[in-house]
N, C-alpha and C. Protein backbone atom coordinates (compact mmCIF):
# COMPACT_ATOMS: atom_id res chain seq x y z
N MET A 1 -8.79 -9.17 -14.76
CA MET A 1 -8.86 -8.03 -15.31
C MET A 1 -10.26 -7.35 -14.99
N TRP A 2 -10.36 -5.99 -14.55
CA TRP A 2 -11.63 -5.60 -14.43
C TRP A 2 -11.57 -4.21 -15.13
N LEU A 3 -12.75 -3.78 -15.57
CA LEU A 3 -12.84 -2.60 -16.33
C LEU A 3 -13.14 -1.45 -15.34
N VAL A 4 -12.39 -0.37 -15.34
CA VAL A 4 -12.86 0.71 -14.43
C VAL A 4 -14.01 1.40 -14.55
N GLY A 5 -15.02 1.59 -13.75
CA GLY A 5 -16.24 2.27 -13.78
C GLY A 5 -17.39 1.13 -14.33
N GLU A 6 -17.16 -0.09 -14.60
CA GLU A 6 -17.92 -1.13 -15.03
C GLU A 6 -17.80 -2.04 -14.06
N GLU A 7 -16.50 -2.55 -13.73
CA GLU A 7 -16.66 -3.82 -12.93
C GLU A 7 -15.70 -3.63 -11.70
N ILE A 8 -15.12 -2.49 -11.75
CA ILE A 8 -14.44 -1.96 -10.54
C ILE A 8 -14.60 -0.44 -10.35
N ALA A 9 -14.92 0.09 -9.32
CA ALA A 9 -15.16 1.70 -9.17
C ALA A 9 -13.84 2.26 -8.98
N PRO A 10 -13.80 3.35 -9.38
CA PRO A 10 -12.68 4.24 -9.07
C PRO A 10 -12.46 4.58 -7.32
N GLY A 11 -11.40 4.41 -6.94
CA GLY A 11 -11.01 4.79 -5.40
C GLY A 11 -10.07 4.02 -4.96
N ILE A 12 -9.91 4.04 -3.66
CA ILE A 12 -8.84 3.35 -3.15
C ILE A 12 -9.15 1.87 -2.70
N TRP A 13 -8.45 1.02 -3.03
CA TRP A 13 -8.66 -0.33 -2.83
C TRP A 13 -7.59 -1.03 -2.07
N ARG A 14 -7.93 -2.04 -1.31
CA ARG A 14 -7.07 -3.01 -0.27
C ARG A 14 -7.08 -4.48 -0.57
N ALA A 15 -6.10 -4.96 -0.94
CA ALA A 15 -6.06 -6.54 -1.12
C ALA A 15 -5.71 -7.31 0.27
N LEU A 16 -6.10 -8.35 0.25
CA LEU A 16 -5.94 -9.19 1.46
C LEU A 16 -4.25 -9.55 1.51
N ARG A 17 -3.73 -9.79 2.48
CA ARG A 17 -2.46 -9.91 2.67
C ARG A 17 -1.80 -11.04 1.91
N SER A 18 -0.86 -10.86 1.04
CA SER A 18 -0.19 -11.85 0.23
C SER A 18 1.09 -11.38 -0.11
N ARG A 19 1.98 -12.44 -0.04
CA ARG A 19 3.52 -11.98 -0.14
C ARG A 19 3.82 -12.03 -1.74
N ASN A 20 2.76 -12.41 -2.55
CA ASN A 20 3.07 -12.30 -4.14
C ASN A 20 2.07 -11.52 -4.78
N CYS A 21 1.63 -10.44 -4.32
CA CYS A 21 0.61 -9.57 -5.05
C CYS A 21 1.14 -8.72 -5.96
N ALA A 22 0.71 -8.69 -7.11
CA ALA A 22 1.20 -8.01 -8.09
C ALA A 22 -0.10 -7.11 -8.87
N TRP A 23 0.11 -6.09 -9.19
CA TRP A 23 -1.06 -5.32 -9.80
C TRP A 23 -0.61 -4.53 -10.96
N LYS A 24 -1.52 -4.12 -11.92
CA LYS A 24 -1.31 -2.98 -13.05
C LYS A 24 -2.50 -2.25 -12.95
N ARG A 25 -2.25 -0.97 -13.26
CA ARG A 25 -3.34 -0.11 -13.67
C ARG A 25 -3.03 0.43 -15.20
N LEU A 26 -4.00 0.04 -15.86
CA LEU A 26 -4.08 -0.04 -17.35
C LEU A 26 -4.69 1.38 -17.83
N SER A 27 -3.93 2.25 -18.61
CA SER A 27 -4.74 3.38 -19.11
C SER A 27 -5.32 3.08 -20.38
N SER A 28 -5.14 2.04 -21.14
CA SER A 28 -5.72 1.61 -22.42
C SER A 28 -5.52 0.06 -22.44
N ILE A 29 -6.65 -0.49 -22.94
CA ILE A 29 -6.83 -2.03 -23.27
C ILE A 29 -7.01 -2.16 -24.73
N GLU A 30 -6.81 -1.15 -25.56
CA GLU A 30 -6.91 -1.12 -27.00
C GLU A 30 -5.78 -1.85 -27.72
N GLY A 31 -6.10 -2.56 -28.75
CA GLY A 31 -5.06 -3.15 -29.62
C GLY A 31 -4.34 -4.53 -29.11
N SER A 32 -3.20 -4.69 -29.49
CA SER A 32 -2.54 -6.10 -29.03
C SER A 32 -1.75 -5.77 -27.74
N SER A 33 -1.54 -4.66 -27.36
CA SER A 33 -0.89 -4.64 -25.98
C SER A 33 -1.60 -3.54 -25.32
N ASP A 34 -1.46 -3.79 -23.90
CA ASP A 34 -2.11 -3.00 -22.91
C ASP A 34 -1.13 -1.64 -22.58
N THR A 35 -1.46 -0.66 -22.19
CA THR A 35 -0.74 0.33 -21.68
C THR A 35 -0.85 0.58 -20.35
N VAL A 36 0.38 0.19 -19.55
CA VAL A 36 0.28 0.17 -18.19
C VAL A 36 0.51 1.66 -17.65
N ALA A 37 -0.41 2.08 -16.76
CA ALA A 37 -0.14 3.49 -16.12
C ALA A 37 0.76 3.46 -15.09
N ALA A 38 0.71 2.07 -14.33
CA ALA A 38 1.68 1.91 -13.06
C ALA A 38 1.50 0.52 -12.82
N ALA A 39 2.53 -0.10 -11.97
CA ALA A 39 2.62 -1.29 -11.47
C ALA A 39 3.17 -1.23 -10.11
N GLY A 40 2.68 -2.19 -9.42
CA GLY A 40 3.31 -2.38 -8.07
C GLY A 40 2.82 -3.67 -7.31
N THR A 41 3.24 -3.65 -6.05
CA THR A 41 3.19 -4.78 -5.30
C THR A 41 2.46 -4.56 -3.84
N PHE A 42 2.33 -3.31 -3.57
CA PHE A 42 1.76 -2.93 -2.35
C PHE A 42 0.09 -3.08 -2.32
N LEU A 43 -0.16 -3.49 -1.27
CA LEU A 43 -1.52 -3.95 -0.93
C LEU A 43 -2.62 -2.86 -0.87
N THR A 44 -2.27 -1.63 -1.25
CA THR A 44 -3.46 -0.71 -1.26
C THR A 44 -3.16 0.13 -2.57
N VAL A 45 -4.07 0.37 -3.30
CA VAL A 45 -3.88 1.02 -4.59
C VAL A 45 -5.07 2.10 -4.82
N GLU A 46 -4.70 3.16 -5.35
CA GLU A 46 -5.59 4.17 -5.88
C GLU A 46 -6.09 4.07 -7.21
N ILE A 47 -7.11 3.82 -7.70
CA ILE A 47 -7.43 3.52 -9.10
C ILE A 47 -8.37 4.72 -9.52
N PRO A 48 -7.68 5.62 -10.50
CA PRO A 48 -8.25 6.88 -11.02
C PRO A 48 -9.58 6.38 -11.92
N ALA A 49 -10.37 7.19 -11.85
CA ALA A 49 -11.64 7.10 -13.01
C ALA A 49 -11.13 7.03 -14.35
N ARG A 50 -9.95 7.77 -14.63
CA ARG A 50 -9.48 7.82 -16.09
C ARG A 50 -8.65 6.50 -16.49
N ASP A 51 -8.48 5.60 -15.70
CA ASP A 51 -7.92 4.39 -15.90
C ASP A 51 -9.06 3.53 -16.76
N ALA A 52 -8.45 2.72 -17.69
CA ALA A 52 -9.30 1.72 -18.52
C ALA A 52 -9.65 0.51 -17.55
N ALA A 53 -8.61 0.02 -17.06
CA ALA A 53 -8.72 -1.36 -16.47
C ALA A 53 -7.82 -1.62 -15.18
N PHE A 54 -8.08 -2.55 -14.48
CA PHE A 54 -7.12 -2.95 -13.37
C PHE A 54 -6.95 -4.36 -13.23
N TRP A 55 -5.74 -4.73 -13.45
CA TRP A 55 -5.48 -6.21 -13.34
C TRP A 55 -4.48 -6.68 -12.05
N SER A 56 -4.81 -7.71 -11.57
CA SER A 56 -3.90 -8.02 -10.31
C SER A 56 -3.74 -9.78 -10.35
N GLU A 57 -2.77 -10.10 -9.72
CA GLU A 57 -2.46 -11.62 -9.57
C GLU A 57 -2.01 -11.92 -8.24
N GLY A 58 -2.42 -12.89 -7.65
CA GLY A 58 -2.04 -13.24 -6.16
C GLY A 58 -2.33 -12.46 -5.02
N CYS A 59 -3.26 -11.43 -5.20
CA CYS A 59 -3.46 -10.56 -4.22
C CYS A 59 -4.77 -11.05 -3.30
N GLY A 60 -5.43 -12.00 -3.69
CA GLY A 60 -6.62 -12.50 -3.01
C GLY A 60 -7.87 -11.46 -3.41
N TRP A 61 -8.72 -11.24 -2.56
CA TRP A 61 -9.87 -10.46 -2.82
C TRP A 61 -9.47 -8.93 -2.48
N TRP A 62 -10.02 -8.06 -3.44
CA TRP A 62 -9.94 -6.64 -3.15
C TRP A 62 -11.02 -6.05 -2.61
N THR A 63 -10.79 -5.10 -1.76
CA THR A 63 -12.05 -4.55 -0.98
C THR A 63 -11.82 -2.99 -1.01
N GLN A 64 -12.97 -2.25 -1.21
CA GLN A 64 -12.81 -0.73 -1.08
C GLN A 64 -12.57 -0.22 0.07
N VAL A 65 -11.59 0.69 0.22
CA VAL A 65 -11.34 1.22 1.50
C VAL A 65 -12.28 2.56 1.72
N LEU A 66 -13.29 2.42 2.46
CA LEU A 66 -14.20 3.48 2.61
C LEU A 66 -14.14 4.26 4.05
N SER A 67 -13.48 3.51 4.99
CA SER A 67 -13.21 4.14 6.25
C SER A 67 -12.07 3.43 6.88
N PRO A 68 -11.38 4.00 7.81
CA PRO A 68 -10.31 3.49 8.43
C PRO A 68 -10.71 2.23 9.10
N PRO A 69 -9.87 1.24 9.35
CA PRO A 69 -10.23 -0.03 10.09
C PRO A 69 -9.89 0.16 11.49
N SER A 70 -9.38 1.33 12.06
CA SER A 70 -9.15 1.42 13.47
C SER A 70 -9.48 2.83 13.81
N SER A 71 -10.05 3.21 15.06
CA SER A 71 -10.45 4.61 15.35
C SER A 71 -9.16 5.22 15.87
N SER A 72 -8.14 4.59 15.92
CA SER A 72 -6.94 5.21 16.61
C SER A 72 -5.70 5.16 15.59
N PRO A 73 -5.42 6.29 14.96
CA PRO A 73 -4.15 6.34 13.97
C PRO A 73 -2.69 6.12 14.84
N ASP A 74 -2.87 6.45 16.29
CA ASP A 74 -1.52 6.38 17.04
C ASP A 74 -1.37 4.92 17.49
N GLY A 75 -2.36 3.80 17.53
CA GLY A 75 -2.37 2.44 18.02
C GLY A 75 -1.41 1.67 17.05
N PRO A 76 -1.01 0.53 17.67
CA PRO A 76 -0.17 -0.18 16.83
C PRO A 76 -0.58 -0.82 15.79
N PHE A 77 -0.05 -1.21 14.78
CA PHE A 77 -0.55 -1.74 13.44
C PHE A 77 0.61 -2.87 13.04
N GLY A 78 0.11 -3.79 12.28
CA GLY A 78 0.72 -4.86 11.53
C GLY A 78 1.26 -4.77 10.28
N PRO A 79 1.37 -6.01 9.34
CA PRO A 79 1.77 -5.77 7.94
C PRO A 79 0.61 -5.27 7.27
N GLY A 80 0.88 -4.65 6.23
CA GLY A 80 0.02 -4.08 5.13
C GLY A 80 0.57 -2.98 4.53
N THR A 81 -0.42 -2.17 3.76
CA THR A 81 -0.39 -0.73 3.34
C THR A 81 -1.47 -0.09 4.06
N TRP A 82 -1.02 0.96 4.76
CA TRP A 82 -1.69 1.79 5.61
C TRP A 82 -1.77 3.28 5.32
N LEU A 83 -2.95 3.98 5.19
CA LEU A 83 -3.08 5.41 4.90
C LEU A 83 -2.52 6.53 6.02
N VAL A 84 -1.48 7.11 5.71
CA VAL A 84 -1.06 8.04 6.66
C VAL A 84 -1.87 9.17 6.94
N ASN A 85 -1.90 9.47 8.17
CA ASN A 85 -2.78 10.59 8.53
C ASN A 85 -4.35 9.96 8.78
N GLU A 86 -4.76 8.97 8.35
CA GLU A 86 -6.30 8.34 8.57
C GLU A 86 -5.98 7.05 9.33
N GLU A 87 -5.08 6.11 9.00
CA GLU A 87 -4.98 4.82 9.68
C GLU A 87 -3.60 4.75 10.54
N VAL A 88 -2.52 5.46 10.20
CA VAL A 88 -1.31 5.59 10.81
C VAL A 88 -1.03 7.02 10.91
N ALA A 89 -0.77 7.51 12.19
CA ALA A 89 -0.17 8.79 12.29
C ALA A 89 1.30 8.88 12.11
N PRO A 90 1.55 10.30 11.62
CA PRO A 90 2.86 10.56 11.27
C PRO A 90 3.55 10.51 12.67
N GLY A 91 5.06 10.09 12.59
CA GLY A 91 5.84 10.33 13.74
C GLY A 91 6.80 8.98 13.66
N LEU A 92 7.63 8.71 14.83
CA LEU A 92 8.51 7.70 14.89
C LEU A 92 7.92 6.40 15.28
N TRP A 93 8.06 5.28 14.55
CA TRP A 93 7.46 4.01 14.77
C TRP A 93 8.69 2.93 14.93
N ARG A 94 8.51 2.07 15.71
CA ARG A 94 9.46 0.93 15.98
C ARG A 94 8.87 -0.20 15.70
N ASN A 95 9.50 -1.30 15.12
CA ASN A 95 8.92 -2.73 14.74
C ASN A 95 8.99 -3.64 16.14
N SER A 96 8.53 -4.63 16.11
CA SER A 96 8.67 -5.65 17.10
C SER A 96 9.54 -7.03 16.73
N ASP A 97 9.56 -7.12 15.45
CA ASP A 97 10.03 -8.47 15.06
C ASP A 97 10.71 -8.32 13.63
N SER A 98 11.96 -8.46 13.43
CA SER A 98 12.59 -8.43 12.05
C SER A 98 13.33 -9.81 11.74
N SER A 99 12.96 -10.75 12.49
CA SER A 99 13.57 -12.09 12.18
C SER A 99 13.31 -12.64 10.93
N GLU A 100 12.16 -12.30 10.07
CA GLU A 100 11.90 -12.73 8.88
C GLU A 100 12.38 -11.76 7.93
N GLY A 101 13.09 -10.68 8.05
CA GLY A 101 13.62 -9.84 7.37
C GLY A 101 12.46 -8.73 7.10
N CYS A 102 12.40 -7.69 7.78
CA CYS A 102 11.69 -6.50 7.78
C CYS A 102 11.79 -5.74 6.53
N SER A 103 10.71 -5.62 5.72
CA SER A 103 10.74 -4.67 4.77
C SER A 103 9.62 -3.60 4.67
N TRP A 104 10.05 -2.42 4.62
CA TRP A 104 9.24 -1.32 4.88
C TRP A 104 9.29 -0.22 3.69
N SER A 105 8.28 0.53 3.42
CA SER A 105 8.42 1.60 2.32
C SER A 105 7.32 2.65 2.96
N ARG A 106 7.80 4.04 2.78
CA ARG A 106 7.04 5.12 2.83
C ARG A 106 6.69 5.57 1.31
N LEU A 107 5.43 5.78 1.18
CA LEU A 107 4.57 6.04 -0.26
C LEU A 107 4.23 7.46 -0.36
N SER A 108 4.62 8.12 -1.44
CA SER A 108 4.20 9.43 -1.64
C SER A 108 2.73 9.64 -2.08
N ASN A 109 2.29 8.30 -2.91
CA ASN A 109 0.95 8.27 -3.30
C ASN A 109 0.70 6.72 -3.59
N LEU A 110 -0.58 6.68 -3.92
CA LEU A 110 -1.16 5.23 -4.10
C LEU A 110 -1.46 4.96 -5.61
N ARG A 111 -1.21 5.87 -6.32
CA ARG A 111 -1.28 5.65 -7.99
C ARG A 111 -0.14 5.24 -8.69
N ASP A 112 0.94 5.39 -8.33
CA ASP A 112 2.33 5.16 -9.09
C ASP A 112 3.04 3.99 -8.91
N GLY A 113 2.49 3.06 -8.01
CA GLY A 113 3.28 1.78 -7.89
C GLY A 113 4.50 2.06 -7.20
N ASP A 114 5.66 1.15 -7.59
CA ASP A 114 6.90 1.14 -7.22
C ASP A 114 7.52 2.73 -7.22
N ALA A 115 7.05 3.49 -8.19
CA ALA A 115 7.67 4.64 -8.60
C ALA A 115 7.15 5.83 -7.49
N ALA A 116 6.29 5.39 -6.47
CA ALA A 116 5.68 6.15 -5.47
C ALA A 116 6.55 6.20 -4.14
N VAL A 117 7.66 5.22 -4.21
CA VAL A 117 8.44 5.05 -2.80
C VAL A 117 9.31 6.30 -2.75
N ALA A 118 8.98 6.77 -1.56
CA ALA A 118 9.75 8.00 -1.12
C ALA A 118 10.97 7.58 -0.28
N ASP A 119 10.99 6.37 0.44
CA ASP A 119 12.14 5.99 1.28
C ASP A 119 11.86 4.64 1.44
N SER A 120 12.62 3.70 1.75
CA SER A 120 12.30 2.05 2.06
C SER A 120 13.61 1.57 2.71
N GLY A 121 13.47 0.36 3.22
CA GLY A 121 14.43 -0.21 3.89
C GLY A 121 14.08 -1.69 4.11
N ILE A 122 15.30 -2.40 4.45
CA ILE A 122 14.99 -3.82 4.92
C ILE A 122 15.99 -4.21 5.96
N GLY A 123 15.75 -4.99 7.05
CA GLY A 123 16.57 -5.22 7.95
C GLY A 123 16.35 -6.43 8.83
N TYR A 124 17.16 -6.99 9.67
CA TYR A 124 16.90 -8.17 10.39
C TYR A 124 17.18 -7.68 11.95
N SER A 125 17.20 -6.71 12.17
CA SER A 125 17.22 -6.06 13.67
C SER A 125 16.08 -4.86 13.83
N MET A 126 15.82 -4.62 15.10
CA MET A 126 14.75 -3.58 15.55
C MET A 126 14.85 -2.42 14.69
N ILE A 127 13.95 -1.80 13.94
CA ILE A 127 13.74 -0.74 12.93
C ILE A 127 13.23 0.29 13.52
N THR A 128 13.48 1.62 13.54
CA THR A 128 12.76 2.86 13.84
C THR A 128 12.57 3.64 12.59
N VAL A 129 11.49 4.08 12.09
CA VAL A 129 11.22 4.62 10.95
C VAL A 129 10.28 5.84 11.36
N GLU A 130 10.60 7.00 10.64
CA GLU A 130 9.86 8.27 10.63
C GLU A 130 9.01 8.36 9.57
N ILE A 131 7.73 8.29 9.78
CA ILE A 131 6.52 8.53 9.00
C ILE A 131 6.17 9.72 8.85
N GLY A 132 6.33 10.20 7.80
CA GLY A 132 6.05 12.01 7.51
C GLY A 132 4.67 12.29 7.18
N ALA A 133 4.23 13.42 7.56
CA ALA A 133 2.75 13.95 7.55
C ALA A 133 2.49 14.13 6.24
N THR A 134 3.58 14.21 5.10
CA THR A 134 3.01 14.17 3.83
C THR A 134 3.11 12.94 3.10
N ASP A 135 3.52 11.84 3.80
CA ASP A 135 3.38 10.66 3.12
C ASP A 135 2.09 10.21 2.94
N ARG A 136 1.56 9.47 1.79
CA ARG A 136 0.47 8.92 1.54
C ARG A 136 0.14 7.79 2.20
N ALA A 137 1.03 7.05 2.40
CA ALA A 137 0.68 5.50 2.76
C ALA A 137 2.16 4.92 3.36
N PHE A 138 2.25 4.01 4.21
CA PHE A 138 3.16 3.09 4.86
C PHE A 138 2.95 1.63 4.55
N ASP A 139 3.97 1.09 4.04
CA ASP A 139 3.72 -0.32 3.82
C ASP A 139 4.75 -1.16 4.54
N SER A 140 4.54 -2.33 4.95
CA SER A 140 5.59 -3.15 5.64
C SER A 140 5.15 -4.69 5.43
N LYS A 141 6.19 -5.58 5.66
CA LYS A 141 5.94 -6.97 5.75
C LYS A 141 7.15 -7.46 6.36
N GLY A 142 6.84 -8.60 7.19
CA GLY A 142 8.05 -9.40 8.05
C GLY A 142 8.45 -8.28 9.24
N CYS A 143 7.65 -7.36 9.55
CA CYS A 143 8.23 -6.47 10.58
C CYS A 143 7.55 -6.79 11.96
N GLY A 144 6.64 -7.83 11.95
CA GLY A 144 5.85 -7.82 13.36
C GLY A 144 4.79 -6.67 13.62
N THR A 145 4.67 -6.18 14.70
CA THR A 145 3.79 -5.11 14.94
C THR A 145 4.58 -3.62 15.23
N TRP A 146 4.07 -2.47 14.57
CA TRP A 146 4.69 -1.24 14.67
C TRP A 146 3.96 -0.66 16.07
N THR A 147 4.92 0.01 16.72
CA THR A 147 4.29 0.76 17.80
C THR A 147 4.92 2.36 17.77
N ARG A 148 4.20 3.28 18.14
CA ARG A 148 4.65 4.74 18.14
C ARG A 148 5.54 4.87 19.22
N VAL A 149 6.68 5.52 18.94
CA VAL A 149 7.52 5.81 19.85
C VAL A 149 7.89 7.20 20.05
N GLY A 150 7.36 8.13 19.25
CA GLY A 150 7.65 9.54 19.14
C GLY A 150 6.86 10.40 18.05
N GLY A 151 6.77 11.66 18.42
CA GLY A 151 5.78 12.42 17.33
C GLY A 151 6.49 13.27 16.71
């Protein structure tokens, strides 16, 4: 657990890829029980300055997202949680491999954890997803590489 503003800065953070990542944003750490503001399993989270603490387990190292990892949001991307309009362009995207069971989610924000899911799916065949311009992020695992097929 890290205290926000002292041990971890507010902002957008990304974890190393892990299939068992779980995190909680805590609005209070007073008393005998913590007050959970949000919880999730996505590998990118926005920690507001008003949070008291941030807890995670099984996520590996967290790194602050200061700039996109790629210069082209239209380019192919793999598993993870990616920022729409910055790292991934809106449009139609198709995956390359669903043999493990492709799981994907369109996220309306990065603060509310699982409550931020605008749409999601899972499948074992090729999947085409429309990522909207108003989506905040797109998360996937077990899907191979996503390639843009339309805008």
